[in-house]
Amino acid sequence: MARRYCGDGGLARRLAASNPALPAPQRGRPVDVPLTMLRADLRLDAVRALFPADSRVRLGWRHWVLAPFGEGSESWKFVAALFTGSERTVPALRRANPESPRRAPRRGRPVLVPEALLLPVFRSVPATGPTPRPTPAPTRTPRRPTPSPAAVPPATPGTAGEGAPGTLHAAGTTLTYGKDAEGEYAVYRLRRGEALYSAVVVRFTGQLHAADVNATAKEIARRSGIRDVSAIPIGYPVKIPLDLLLPRYLPPGNPRRIAWERDQERLEQFVQAVHAADLSGVHVILDAGHGGVDSGATRKGVWESVYAYDLLCRIKHDLERHTRAKVWPTILDRSRGHAVVARDVLKPDRDQVLLTHPRYALDNPVLGVHLRWYLTNDIVHRLRKKGVPASRIVFISLHADSLHPSVRGAMAYVPSRHLRPRSYRARTRGLGRYREYRDHPEVRLGRSFVTRSEASSRRLAGILIATLREESLEVHPYSPIRGSVLRGKRRWVPAVLRYTLAQNAVLVECCNLANDEDRRLLLTAEWRERFSRAIVRGLAKAFGNRDGD
């Protein structure tokens, strides 16, 4: 285990000392591996999961002190051991952060780990964002000169791969840039086993839906001189127009990328970590997409609404059995109730109702969508009136998407603050019958709230996605957490997220029904139970329960 998780069999005694109750590893019992003992790649993965606001900057690593294991769990020694590999660098860390308290870093504030002190795995992450204000270099530890990012020279006409100016290395991806008669482009060279649809279109443009992916692939193929997308040689230079690229893949210095980086910087300031052992005092509003006359996405007889509801029942059961969270379902199947059933393949039915006052039989999809967020907001209003902090209210909506068949795995959507209104009142006929609408017909969303909500929701989504990965459940490999749905060039936030008053709001797409393997797994009760327990463990981790059970 020491070789596998720490990268060094010689650490076996230290690993055993961290598990005094276990004389040897035992099946079915967890083994604690201290963060500061993890091998390089696992350490980086753990940091990204536990500290989603952390970022690589040009002077080193900016670490946000969130104390995920409770008050006092982040000391100078902990930060030094985690990011530099040695507690002996504590004096140098303190000198690099003169505004931080000497006793311990201040929770909710950033700490700069200088470039010269970083472990190689953190130094290998590409720097992004504007350069932070320099701090005095340690007097005893020589600082390695930090290379400034290569400036992108003026683009010149040419073919892909022939003197393309500028290079970007991001997340193991190398892009070069150039310009031809049609404008600026990025060049990516296909590797063995990669396809134009998934390795280029889905990854670099963010498109997911079949028609959009196919149309974009066709445009990129034309631009790159590719006649047969199924027979592209390894190493072939694929041209991607810059206006199709996601901001993170644009050249350094590009105005759209700079604006995106600054936006991420601002969002980090609103990250709020909340701790609640066993989810005590946490309220989870659970929603399952569609239902009634709206079956949602359907593929080969599989209805999204049926299996999303099954996940809701399982998550509700596991939360109530293993935690102290209070669960508020928005929907009920009248013939099944909220019972967990052991069957793999579930029978489609339209027996679901929203738990509004009076109940709504879901016979109009538009009215149903609006009533979901009115119901959610009504629950939030009542909880806030009882003194429940907004930070302890969670909204999770469960879905199964239908995307391009090459796409696999779970995704999470959070509400982008840029796509939410200041106020909104639905005008759909029939809303006036329901108490939830009559009590609060208009939702008001302040600027501070939508920013705090996006930050909190992104943090929660990051932990949920990381927990799914830990459980070996398939996760979408490229940008699995998104602030909006992308169709063509249009972006929007789903209504249940756009108008919600829940500070922590995540829409989870458990899988892609159009992918044969994803759909096969969804049709097994064992997979659905694993997925549901991973969501529960993720919620427990997000609110500070170390063991997550």
Protein backbone atom coordinates (compact mmCIF):
# COMPACT_ATOMS: atom_id res chain seq x y z
CA MET A 1 0.00 0.00 0.00
CA ALA A 2 2.89 2.35 0.70
CA ARG A 3 4.30 1.70 -2.77
CA ARG A 4 0.89 2.15 -4.40
CA TYR A 5 -0.31 5.29 -2.64
CA CYS A 6 2.87 6.92 -1.33
CA GLY A 7 5.23 5.92 -4.12
CA ASP A 8 7.74 4.47 -1.66
CA GLY A 9 7.56 1.09 0.10
CA GLY A 10 9.89 2.45 2.74
CA LEU A 11 7.02 4.54 4.11
CA ALA A 12 5.12 1.44 5.25
CA ARG A 13 5.90 2.02 8.94
CA ARG A 14 4.71 5.62 8.79
CA LEU A 15 1.55 4.48 7.01
CA ALA A 16 0.95 1.84 9.68
CA ALA A 17 1.47 4.46 12.40
CA SER A 18 -1.32 6.51 10.83
CA ASN A 19 -3.66 3.52 11.23
CA PRO A 20 -2.99 2.25 14.78
CA ALA A 21 -6.24 0.26 14.92
CA LEU A 22 -5.24 -1.85 11.89
CA PRO A 23 -2.45 -4.42 12.39
CA ALA A 24 -2.68 -5.02 8.62
CA PRO A 25 -4.92 -3.86 5.77
CA GLN A 26 -8.28 -5.60 5.98
CA ARG A 27 -10.94 -6.00 3.34
CA GLY A 28 -13.88 -3.65 3.83
CA ARG A 29 -12.04 -1.35 6.27
CA PRO A 30 -10.68 2.02 5.14
CA VAL A 31 -6.99 2.86 5.46
CA ASP A 32 -6.06 6.49 6.14
CA VAL A 33 -3.25 7.81 3.95
CA PRO A 34 -2.11 11.25 5.18
CA LEU A 35 -2.23 13.92 2.48
CA THR A 36 1.40 14.74 3.12
CA MET A 37 2.42 11.15 2.33
CA LEU A 38 0.58 10.77 -0.97
CA ARG A 39 2.59 10.22 -4.13
CA ALA A 40 2.84 13.22 -6.45
CA ASP A 41 -0.11 12.67 -8.82
CA LEU A 42 -2.52 11.65 -6.04
CA ARG A 43 -1.39 14.61 -3.95
CA LEU A 44 -2.23 16.99 -6.79
CA ASP A 45 -5.62 15.31 -7.29
CA ALA A 46 -6.35 15.57 -3.56
CA VAL A 47 -5.43 19.24 -3.43
CA ARG A 48 -7.68 20.00 -6.41
CA ALA A 49 -10.58 18.17 -4.73
CA LEU A 50 -10.12 19.61 -1.22
CA PHE A 51 -9.07 23.11 -2.24
CA PRO A 52 -10.93 23.92 -5.49
CA ALA A 53 -10.03 27.62 -5.24
CA ASP A 54 -6.27 26.94 -5.30
CA SER A 55 -4.40 28.06 -8.40
CA ARG A 56 -0.95 28.04 -9.94
CA VAL A 57 0.30 31.60 -10.31
CA ARG A 58 3.47 32.96 -11.79
CA LEU A 59 5.22 33.38 -8.45
CA GLY A 60 4.29 29.93 -7.16
CA TRP A 61 1.10 28.36 -5.81
CA ARG A 62 -1.74 30.34 -4.27
CA HIS A 63 -3.37 28.20 -1.59
CA TRP A 64 -6.69 29.20 -0.02
CA VAL A 65 -6.87 28.12 3.62
CA LEU A 66 -10.23 26.32 3.92
CA ALA A 67 -9.40 23.99 6.86
CA PRO A 68 -11.45 21.12 5.32
CA PHE A 69 -10.97 18.86 8.36
CA GLY A 70 -12.11 21.42 10.92
CA GLU A 71 -10.77 24.46 12.72
CA GLY A 72 -7.01 24.37 13.20
CA SER A 73 -6.45 21.59 10.67
CA GLU A 74 -4.23 23.83 8.51
CA SER A 75 -1.03 24.92 10.18
CA TRP A 76 2.16 26.33 8.66
CA LYS A 77 3.68 22.84 9.07
CA PHE A 78 0.77 21.26 7.21
CA VAL A 79 0.99 23.73 4.31
CA ALA A 80 4.77 23.32 4.13
CA ALA A 81 4.64 19.50 4.15
CA LEU A 82 1.81 19.37 1.61
CA PHE A 83 3.20 21.75 -1.01
CA THR A 84 6.98 21.68 -0.42
CA GLY A 85 7.48 18.17 0.99
CA SER A 86 9.22 19.36 4.16
CA GLU A 87 8.25 21.14 7.38
CA ARG A 88 11.69 22.78 7.35
CA THR A 89 10.40 25.35 4.84
CA VAL A 90 8.02 26.91 7.39
CA PRO A 91 10.28 29.95 8.06
CA ALA A 92 10.56 30.64 4.32
CA LEU A 93 6.77 30.30 3.93
CA ARG A 94 6.19 32.81 6.70
CA ARG A 95 8.60 35.29 5.15
CA ALA A 96 6.78 34.95 1.82
CA ASN A 97 3.49 35.80 3.56
CA PRO A 98 4.33 38.66 5.94
CA GLU A 99 0.67 39.68 6.29
CA SER A 100 -0.40 36.26 7.58
CA PRO A 101 -0.33 35.47 11.34
CA ARG A 102 2.85 33.70 12.51
CA ARG A 103 0.93 31.19 14.61
CA ALA A 104 -1.18 29.72 11.79
CA PRO A 105 -2.51 30.81 8.37
CA ARG A 106 -5.82 32.64 8.58
CA ARG A 107 -8.81 30.60 7.43
CA GLY A 108 -10.53 31.99 4.34
CA ARG A 109 -7.40 33.82 3.17
CA PRO A 110 -4.78 32.90 0.53
CA VAL A 111 -1.19 31.85 1.21
CA LEU A 112 1.55 32.07 -1.44
CA VAL A 113 3.90 29.08 -1.67
CA PRO A 114 6.92 30.46 -3.60
CA GLU A 115 7.99 28.82 -6.84
CA ALA A 116 11.40 27.83 -5.45
CA LEU A 117 9.82 25.83 -2.60
CA LEU A 118 7.15 23.94 -4.58
CA LEU A 119 7.28 20.21 -5.15
CA PRO A 120 7.81 19.39 -8.86
CA VAL A 121 4.21 18.15 -9.28
CA PHE A 122 2.83 21.58 -8.35
CA ARG A 123 5.53 23.41 -10.30
CA SER A 124 4.53 21.45 -13.43
CA VAL A 125 1.01 22.94 -13.42
CA PRO A 126 0.85 25.83 -15.93
CA ALA A 127 0.57 29.26 -14.34
CA THR A 128 -2.61 31.20 -15.06
CA GLY A 129 -4.02 34.54 -14.07
CA PRO A 130 -2.36 37.88 -13.39
CA THR A 131 0.87 37.96 -11.40
CA PRO A 132 0.16 38.54 -7.71
CA ARG A 133 1.91 41.30 -5.81
CA PRO A 134 5.51 40.17 -5.16
CA THR A 135 6.54 39.39 -1.62
CA PRO A 136 10.11 39.46 -0.26
CA ALA A 137 12.07 36.39 -1.26
CA PRO A 138 13.34 34.11 1.56
CA THR A 139 16.82 35.17 2.61
CA ARG A 140 18.18 31.64 3.16
CA THR A 141 16.36 29.80 0.40
CA PRO A 142 17.51 30.82 -3.06
CA ARG A 143 14.64 31.68 -5.39
CA ARG A 144 14.63 30.09 -8.74
CA PRO A 145 14.02 32.67 -11.47
CA THR A 146 10.42 32.42 -12.61
CA PRO A 147 10.20 32.51 -16.37
CA SER A 148 7.62 34.91 -17.68
CA PRO A 149 5.07 33.36 -20.02
CA ALA A 150 6.16 33.38 -23.62
CA ALA A 151 4.62 36.29 -25.42
CA VAL A 152 2.66 35.38 -28.48
CA PRO A 153 4.23 37.19 -31.42
CA PRO A 154 2.06 38.64 -34.14
CA ALA A 155 0.51 35.76 -36.04
CA THR A 156 1.64 35.17 -39.56
CA PRO A 157 0.02 33.26 -42.40
CA GLY A 158 1.07 29.65 -42.71
CA THR A 159 -0.11 26.08 -42.55
CA ALA A 160 -0.80 24.26 -39.32
CA GLY A 161 2.39 23.18 -37.62
CA GLU A 162 4.67 25.26 -39.80
CA GLY A 163 6.02 28.01 -37.64
CA ALA A 164 2.75 28.43 -35.76
CA PRO A 165 3.47 31.18 -33.24
CA GLY A 166 3.10 30.74 -29.50
CA THR A 167 2.66 27.58 -27.45
CA LEU A 168 0.32 26.75 -24.60
CA HIS A 169 0.76 23.79 -22.27
CA ALA A 170 -2.41 23.22 -20.25
CA ALA A 171 -3.44 20.08 -18.37
CA GLY A 172 -1.08 17.92 -20.40
CA THR A 173 -2.25 19.50 -23.65
CA THR A 174 0.01 21.31 -26.10
CA LEU A 175 -1.47 23.87 -28.47
CA THR A 176 0.32 26.10 -30.93
CA TYR A 177 -1.16 29.13 -32.62
CA GLY A 178 -1.09 30.63 -36.06
CA LYS A 179 -3.02 32.56 -38.67
CA ASP A 180 -4.09 31.86 -42.22
CA ALA A 181 -6.35 33.53 -44.76
CA GLU A 182 -9.44 32.68 -42.66
CA GLY A 183 -8.06 34.08 -39.41
CA GLU A 184 -6.36 32.93 -36.22
CA TYR A 185 -6.40 29.31 -35.09
CA ALA A 186 -4.93 26.87 -32.59
CA VAL A 187 -3.24 23.63 -33.64
CA TYR A 188 -3.63 20.33 -31.80
CA ARG A 189 -1.89 17.15 -32.96
CA LEU A 190 -3.94 14.01 -32.49
CA ARG A 191 -2.46 11.23 -30.38
CA ARG A 192 -2.92 7.50 -30.70
CA GLY A 193 -6.51 6.46 -30.03
CA GLU A 194 -7.92 10.00 -30.16
CA ALA A 195 -10.84 11.02 -32.34
CA LEU A 196 -11.77 14.41 -33.73
CA TYR A 197 -15.14 14.42 -31.96
CA SER A 198 -14.03 13.74 -28.38
CA ALA A 199 -10.34 14.69 -28.31
CA VAL A 200 -10.79 18.00 -30.12
CA VAL A 201 -14.39 19.24 -30.34
CA VAL A 202 -15.65 18.18 -26.90
CA ARG A 203 -12.37 19.03 -25.15
CA PHE A 204 -11.48 22.39 -26.65
CA THR A 205 -14.84 23.92 -27.61
CA GLY A 206 -17.07 22.59 -24.83
CA GLN A 207 -19.74 21.33 -27.24
CA LEU A 208 -21.57 18.22 -26.01
CA HIS A 209 -24.80 17.78 -27.95
CA ALA A 210 -24.65 15.53 -30.97
CA ALA A 211 -25.79 18.03 -33.62
CA ASP A 212 -23.42 20.72 -32.29
CA VAL A 213 -20.44 18.35 -32.02
CA ASN A 214 -20.99 17.03 -35.54
CA ALA A 215 -21.35 20.51 -37.04
CA THR A 216 -18.23 21.80 -35.26
CA ALA A 217 -16.23 18.71 -36.24
CA LYS A 218 -17.25 19.28 -39.86
CA GLU A 219 -16.09 22.91 -39.71
CA ILE A 220 -12.76 22.00 -38.09
CA ALA A 221 -12.20 19.20 -40.60
CA ARG A 222 -12.79 21.60 -43.50
CA ARG A 223 -10.44 24.18 -42.00
CA SER A 224 -7.77 21.51 -41.45
CA GLY A 225 -8.03 19.88 -44.87
CA ILE A 226 -9.40 16.63 -43.44
CA ARG A 227 -11.58 14.69 -45.86
CA ASP A 228 -12.29 11.59 -43.75
CA VAL A 229 -12.69 12.25 -40.00
CA SER A 230 -12.51 8.51 -39.28
CA ALA A 231 -9.04 8.13 -40.80
CA ILE A 232 -6.91 10.98 -39.39
CA PRO A 233 -3.21 10.01 -38.99
CA ILE A 234 -1.55 10.21 -35.58
CA GLY A 235 0.14 13.58 -35.18
CA TYR A 236 -2.00 15.28 -37.80
CA PRO A 237 -2.19 19.05 -37.12
CA VAL A 238 -5.84 19.94 -36.51
CA LYS A 239 -6.74 23.63 -36.84
CA ILE A 240 -9.29 24.99 -34.34
CA PRO A 241 -10.54 28.56 -34.97
CA LEU A 242 -9.86 30.74 -31.94
CA ASP A 243 -13.47 31.90 -31.74
CA LEU A 244 -14.49 28.27 -31.03
CA LEU A 245 -12.01 27.74 -28.19
CA LEU A 246 -12.91 27.77 -24.52
CA PRO A 247 -11.15 30.70 -22.79
CA ARG A 248 -8.67 28.51 -20.89
CA TYR A 249 -7.20 27.28 -24.19
CA LEU A 250 -6.70 30.69 -25.77
CA PRO A 251 -3.18 32.11 -26.12
CA PRO A 252 -1.74 33.97 -23.09
CA GLY A 253 -2.58 37.64 -23.51
CA ASN A 254 -5.77 37.03 -25.47
CA PRO A 255 -8.39 39.54 -24.18
CA ARG A 256 -11.09 36.89 -23.78
CA ARG A 257 -8.74 34.66 -21.79
CA ILE A 258 -7.59 37.57 -19.60
CA ALA A 259 -11.21 38.50 -18.85
CA TRP A 260 -11.97 34.87 -17.94
CA GLU A 261 -8.92 34.61 -15.66
CA ARG A 262 -9.84 37.79 -13.84
CA ASP A 263 -13.39 36.52 -13.45
CA GLN A 264 -12.07 33.33 -11.83
CA GLU A 265 -9.91 35.41 -9.51
CA ARG A 266 -12.91 37.40 -8.31
CA LEU A 267 -14.98 34.26 -7.79
CA GLU A 268 -12.32 32.73 -5.52
CA GLN A 269 -12.82 35.51 -2.99
CA PHE A 270 -16.35 34.27 -2.27
CA VAL A 271 -15.49 30.64 -1.45
CA GLN A 272 -17.09 29.73 1.88
CA ALA A 273 -16.28 26.51 3.69
CA VAL A 274 -18.96 25.29 6.12
CA HIS A 275 -18.40 22.50 8.62
CA ALA A 276 -21.16 20.27 9.99
CA ALA A 277 -20.22 16.88 11.45
CA ASP A 278 -22.55 14.15 10.16
CA LEU A 279 -24.33 16.87 8.16
CA SER A 280 -26.00 18.07 11.36
CA GLY A 281 -28.05 21.16 10.62
CA VAL A 282 -27.69 20.74 6.85
CA HIS A 283 -30.87 20.75 4.74
CA VAL A 284 -30.76 18.97 1.36
CA ILE A 285 -33.49 19.74 -1.17
CA LEU A 286 -33.56 16.82 -3.62
CA ASP A 287 -35.10 17.14 -7.07
CA ALA A 288 -35.42 14.59 -9.89
CA GLY A 289 -35.77 16.01 -13.36
CA HIS A 290 -38.88 15.71 -15.52
CA GLY A 291 -41.70 13.28 -14.62
CA GLY A 292 -45.39 13.01 -15.47
CA VAL A 293 -46.00 13.71 -19.15
CA ASP A 294 -42.33 14.70 -19.56
CA SER A 295 -40.11 11.60 -19.65
CA GLY A 296 -36.97 13.65 -20.28
CA ALA A 297 -34.26 12.14 -22.49
CA THR A 298 -35.14 8.69 -23.83
CA ARG A 299 -32.88 6.12 -25.48
CA LYS A 300 -33.85 2.54 -26.37
CA GLY A 301 -36.74 2.52 -23.93
CA VAL A 302 -34.80 4.12 -21.06
CA TRP A 303 -36.54 7.16 -19.56
CA GLU A 304 -34.47 9.81 -17.84
CA SER A 305 -37.30 10.67 -15.44
CA VAL A 306 -37.59 7.11 -14.09
CA TYR A 307 -33.90 6.61 -13.31
CA ALA A 308 -33.34 10.14 -12.00
CA TYR A 309 -36.17 9.49 -9.55
CA ASP A 310 -34.60 6.18 -8.50
CA LEU A 311 -31.36 8.06 -7.70
CA LEU A 312 -33.35 10.56 -5.62
CA CYS A 313 -34.90 7.75 -3.58
CA ARG A 314 -31.52 6.14 -2.96
CA ILE A 315 -29.79 9.40 -1.99
CA LYS A 316 -32.69 10.29 0.32
CA HIS A 317 -32.51 6.86 1.97
CA ASP A 318 -28.74 6.98 2.44
CA LEU A 319 -28.78 10.55 3.77
CA GLU A 320 -31.47 9.72 6.31
CA ARG A 321 -29.84 6.45 7.34
CA HIS A 322 -26.20 7.53 7.57
CA THR A 323 -26.30 11.27 8.34
CA ARG A 324 -28.30 13.81 10.32
CA ALA A 325 -29.20 15.90 7.31
CA LYS A 326 -32.81 16.89 6.79
CA VAL A 327 -34.01 15.88 3.31
CA TRP A 328 -36.68 17.76 1.38
CA PRO A 329 -37.79 15.92 -1.81
CA THR A 330 -39.59 18.02 -4.40
CA ILE A 331 -41.28 15.12 -6.18
CA LEU A 332 -43.13 11.91 -5.35
CA ASP A 333 -44.04 8.82 -7.36
CA ARG A 334 -47.52 7.99 -6.08
CA SER A 335 -47.30 4.25 -6.79
CA ARG A 336 -43.76 3.77 -5.48
CA GLY A 337 -43.40 6.41 -2.79
CA HIS A 338 -39.76 7.07 -1.89
CA ALA A 339 -38.92 3.39 -1.41
CA VAL A 340 -35.66 1.94 -2.72
CA VAL A 341 -36.38 -0.96 -5.09
CA ALA A 342 -33.88 -3.72 -5.89
CA ARG A 343 -34.75 -4.12 -9.59
CA ASP A 344 -32.16 -3.35 -12.26
CA VAL A 345 -34.51 -2.33 -15.09
CA LEU A 346 -37.35 -0.09 -13.96
CA LYS A 347 -40.80 0.10 -15.48
CA PRO A 348 -41.60 3.49 -17.06
CA ASP A 349 -44.56 5.32 -15.54
CA ARG A 350 -45.99 8.84 -15.38
CA ASP A 351 -47.16 8.71 -11.78
CA GLN A 352 -44.99 11.52 -10.39
CA VAL A 353 -46.34 14.68 -8.69
CA LEU A 354 -44.61 17.80 -7.37
CA LEU A 355 -45.03 18.27 -3.63
CA THR A 356 -46.50 21.75 -3.95
CA HIS A 357 -49.68 22.95 -2.22
CA PRO A 358 -51.82 21.60 -3.79
CA ARG A 359 -49.78 18.82 -5.42
CA TYR A 360 -49.14 19.16 -9.13
CA ALA A 361 -49.55 16.17 -11.45
CA LEU A 362 -46.86 17.34 -13.93
CA ASP A 363 -49.10 17.47 -16.98
CA ASN A 364 -47.45 20.64 -18.37
CA PRO A 365 -43.61 20.66 -18.60
CA VAL A 366 -43.32 24.48 -18.58
CA LEU A 367 -45.54 24.89 -15.52
CA GLY A 368 -43.71 22.00 -13.87
CA VAL A 369 -40.28 23.60 -14.35
CA HIS A 370 -41.41 26.87 -12.77
CA LEU A 371 -43.14 25.15 -9.88
CA ARG A 372 -39.93 23.27 -9.05
CA TRP A 373 -37.97 26.41 -8.34
CA TYR A 374 -40.93 28.09 -6.65
CA LEU A 375 -41.20 25.03 -4.39
CA THR A 376 -37.45 25.08 -3.72
CA ASN A 377 -37.54 28.79 -2.89
CA ASP A 378 -40.50 28.27 -0.60
CA ILE A 379 -38.50 25.68 1.36
CA VAL A 380 -35.53 28.08 1.51
CA HIS A 381 -37.75 30.95 2.73
CA ARG A 382 -39.19 28.79 5.51
CA LEU A 383 -35.78 27.49 6.59
CA ARG A 384 -34.25 30.96 6.62
CA LYS A 385 -37.18 32.22 8.69
CA LYS A 386 -36.34 29.50 11.25
CA GLY A 387 -32.74 30.72 11.43
CA VAL A 388 -31.05 28.14 9.21
CA PRO A 389 -27.94 29.75 7.62
CA ALA A 390 -28.07 29.99 3.82
CA SER A 391 -24.70 28.20 3.70
CA ARG A 392 -26.33 25.04 5.13
CA ILE A 393 -29.05 24.76 2.51
CA VAL A 394 -28.30 22.57 -0.51
CA PHE A 395 -30.28 22.01 -3.70
CA ILE A 396 -29.42 19.03 -5.92
CA SER A 397 -31.32 18.25 -9.13
CA LEU A 398 -30.71 14.80 -10.65
CA HIS A 399 -30.74 14.11 -14.39
CA ALA A 400 -29.38 11.85 -17.14
CA ASP A 401 -28.30 13.67 -20.27
CA SER A 402 -28.46 12.74 -23.95
CA LEU A 403 -25.30 13.98 -25.68
CA HIS A 404 -22.96 12.96 -28.49
CA PRO A 405 -22.40 9.17 -28.23
CA SER A 406 -18.64 9.66 -27.74
CA VAL A 407 -19.24 11.52 -24.45
CA ARG A 408 -19.23 9.49 -21.23
CA GLY A 409 -19.62 10.10 -17.54
CA ALA A 410 -21.16 12.40 -14.96
CA MET A 411 -21.20 16.18 -15.13
CA ALA A 412 -22.32 18.95 -12.78
CA TYR A 413 -23.86 22.30 -13.65
CA VAL A 414 -23.79 25.29 -11.31
CA PRO A 415 -25.49 28.69 -11.75
CA SER A 416 -23.23 31.18 -13.54
CA ARG A 417 -23.75 34.57 -11.92
CA HIS A 418 -23.44 36.23 -15.34
CA LEU A 419 -26.56 34.49 -16.65
CA ARG A 420 -28.92 35.12 -13.75
CA PRO A 421 -31.43 38.00 -13.58
CA ARG A 422 -31.67 40.53 -10.76
CA SER A 423 -35.34 39.61 -10.37
CA TYR A 424 -37.88 37.40 -12.12
CA ARG A 425 -41.57 36.54 -11.96
CA ALA A 426 -42.95 33.67 -14.04
CA ARG A 427 -46.11 34.45 -16.01
CA THR A 428 -47.19 30.89 -16.90
CA ARG A 429 -50.93 30.34 -16.64
CA GLY A 430 -51.98 28.25 -13.64
CA LEU A 431 -49.26 29.31 -11.19
CA GLY A 432 -51.72 31.28 -9.08
CA ARG A 433 -53.33 28.06 -7.81
CA TYR A 434 -50.22 27.21 -5.78
CA ARG A 435 -49.29 28.58 -2.38
CA GLU A 436 -45.57 28.59 -3.24
CA TYR A 437 -46.19 31.09 -6.02
CA ARG A 438 -48.74 33.22 -4.15
CA ASP A 439 -46.46 33.66 -1.11
CA HIS A 440 -43.41 34.77 -3.13
CA PRO A 441 -44.34 35.41 -6.79
CA GLU A 442 -41.13 37.32 -7.55
CA VAL A 443 -37.60 36.13 -6.84
CA ARG A 444 -34.94 38.79 -6.17
CA LEU A 445 -31.29 37.86 -6.67
CA GLY A 446 -28.70 40.35 -5.44
CA ARG A 447 -25.27 40.65 -7.02
CA SER A 448 -23.51 39.51 -3.87
CA PHE A 449 -25.81 36.48 -3.51
CA VAL A 450 -25.38 35.18 -7.08
CA THR A 451 -21.59 35.49 -6.78
CA ARG A 452 -21.53 33.73 -3.41
CA SER A 453 -23.92 31.10 -4.75
CA GLU A 454 -21.74 30.34 -7.77
CA ALA A 455 -18.63 30.08 -5.59
CA SER A 456 -20.33 27.81 -3.04
CA SER A 457 -21.95 25.69 -5.74
CA ARG A 458 -18.65 25.25 -7.62
CA ARG A 459 -16.94 24.15 -4.43
CA LEU A 460 -19.68 21.59 -3.74
CA ALA A 461 -19.72 20.38 -7.36
CA GLY A 462 -15.93 19.95 -7.28
CA ILE A 463 -16.14 17.75 -4.19
CA LEU A 464 -19.02 15.69 -5.61
CA ILE A 465 -17.15 15.08 -8.87
CA ALA A 466 -13.95 14.19 -7.00
CA THR A 467 -15.87 11.69 -4.86
CA LEU A 468 -17.39 10.05 -7.93
CA ARG A 469 -13.86 9.61 -9.29
CA GLU A 470 -12.70 8.13 -5.99
CA GLU A 471 -15.46 5.54 -6.29
CA SER A 472 -14.25 4.67 -9.83
CA LEU A 473 -17.47 6.01 -11.34
CA GLU A 474 -17.14 7.48 -14.82
CA VAL A 475 -16.79 11.27 -14.95
CA HIS A 476 -16.77 13.42 -18.08
CA PRO A 477 -13.03 13.94 -18.78
CA TYR A 478 -13.19 17.52 -20.07
CA SER A 479 -14.59 20.32 -17.88
CA PRO A 480 -17.09 18.19 -15.92
CA ILE A 481 -18.20 21.27 -13.92
CA ARG A 482 -19.89 23.99 -15.95
CA GLY A 483 -21.72 27.23 -15.23
CA SER A 484 -24.08 26.96 -18.18
CA VAL A 485 -25.46 24.68 -20.87
CA LEU A 486 -23.93 25.26 -24.32
CA ARG A 487 -25.95 24.69 -27.49
CA GLY A 488 -24.27 26.03 -30.60
CA LYS A 489 -23.13 29.49 -29.51
CA ARG A 490 -25.96 30.01 -27.03
CA ARG A 491 -25.46 29.57 -23.28
CA TRP A 492 -28.06 29.42 -20.55
CA VAL A 493 -28.55 28.25 -16.96
CA PRO A 494 -31.32 25.68 -16.38
CA ALA A 495 -34.33 27.31 -14.70
CA VAL A 496 -34.05 25.27 -11.49
CA LEU A 497 -30.57 26.79 -11.00
CA ARG A 498 -31.19 30.19 -12.59
CA TYR A 499 -33.95 31.25 -10.20
CA THR A 500 -33.07 29.30 -7.05
CA LEU A 501 -32.46 30.95 -3.68
CA ALA A 502 -30.40 27.97 -2.49
CA GLN A 503 -26.81 29.10 -1.94
CA ASN A 504 -25.43 25.64 -2.78
CA ALA A 505 -27.13 24.57 -6.02
CA VAL A 506 -25.90 21.78 -8.31
CA LEU A 507 -27.57 19.98 -11.21
CA VAL A 508 -26.01 16.53 -11.59
CA GLU A 509 -26.10 14.69 -14.92
CA CYS A 510 -25.34 11.13 -13.82
CA CYS A 511 -24.48 9.80 -17.28
CA ASN A 512 -25.07 10.08 -21.03
CA LEU A 513 -28.02 7.96 -22.17
CA ALA A 514 -26.79 8.15 -25.78
CA ASN A 515 -23.59 6.30 -24.80
CA ASP A 516 -24.14 2.53 -24.79
CA GLU A 517 -21.82 1.82 -21.84
CA ASP A 518 -23.26 4.62 -19.69
CA ARG A 519 -26.79 3.44 -20.41
CA ARG A 520 -25.89 -0.19 -19.61
CA LEU A 521 -24.53 0.83 -16.21
CA LEU A 522 -27.56 2.98 -15.42
CA LEU A 523 -29.74 -0.10 -15.92
CA THR A 524 -28.12 -1.83 -12.93
CA ALA A 525 -29.31 -1.22 -9.37
CA GLU A 526 -25.76 -1.83 -8.11
CA TRP A 527 -24.36 1.08 -10.15
CA ARG A 528 -27.18 3.41 -9.12
CA GLU A 529 -26.55 2.58 -5.46
CA ARG A 530 -22.81 3.23 -5.85
CA PHE A 531 -23.54 6.55 -7.53
CA SER A 532 -26.00 7.57 -4.82
CA ARG A 533 -23.63 6.68 -1.99
CA ALA A 534 -20.86 8.64 -3.69
CA ILE A 535 -23.13 11.72 -3.75
CA VAL A 536 -23.85 11.27 -0.05
CA ARG A 537 -20.14 10.85 0.73
CA GLY A 538 -19.41 13.97 -1.30
CA LEU A 539 -21.97 15.96 0.67
CA ALA A 540 -20.43 14.74 3.92
CA LYS A 541 -16.97 15.76 2.74
CA ALA A 542 -18.18 19.15 1.58
CA PHE A 543 -19.43 19.95 5.06
CA GLY A 544 -16.40 18.71 6.92
CA ASN A 545 -17.05 15.08 7.78
CA ARG A 546 -13.64 13.54 7.27
CA ASP A 547 -14.75 9.95 6.86
CA GLY A 548 -17.66 10.80 4.57
CA ASP A 549 -19.95 8.12 5.98
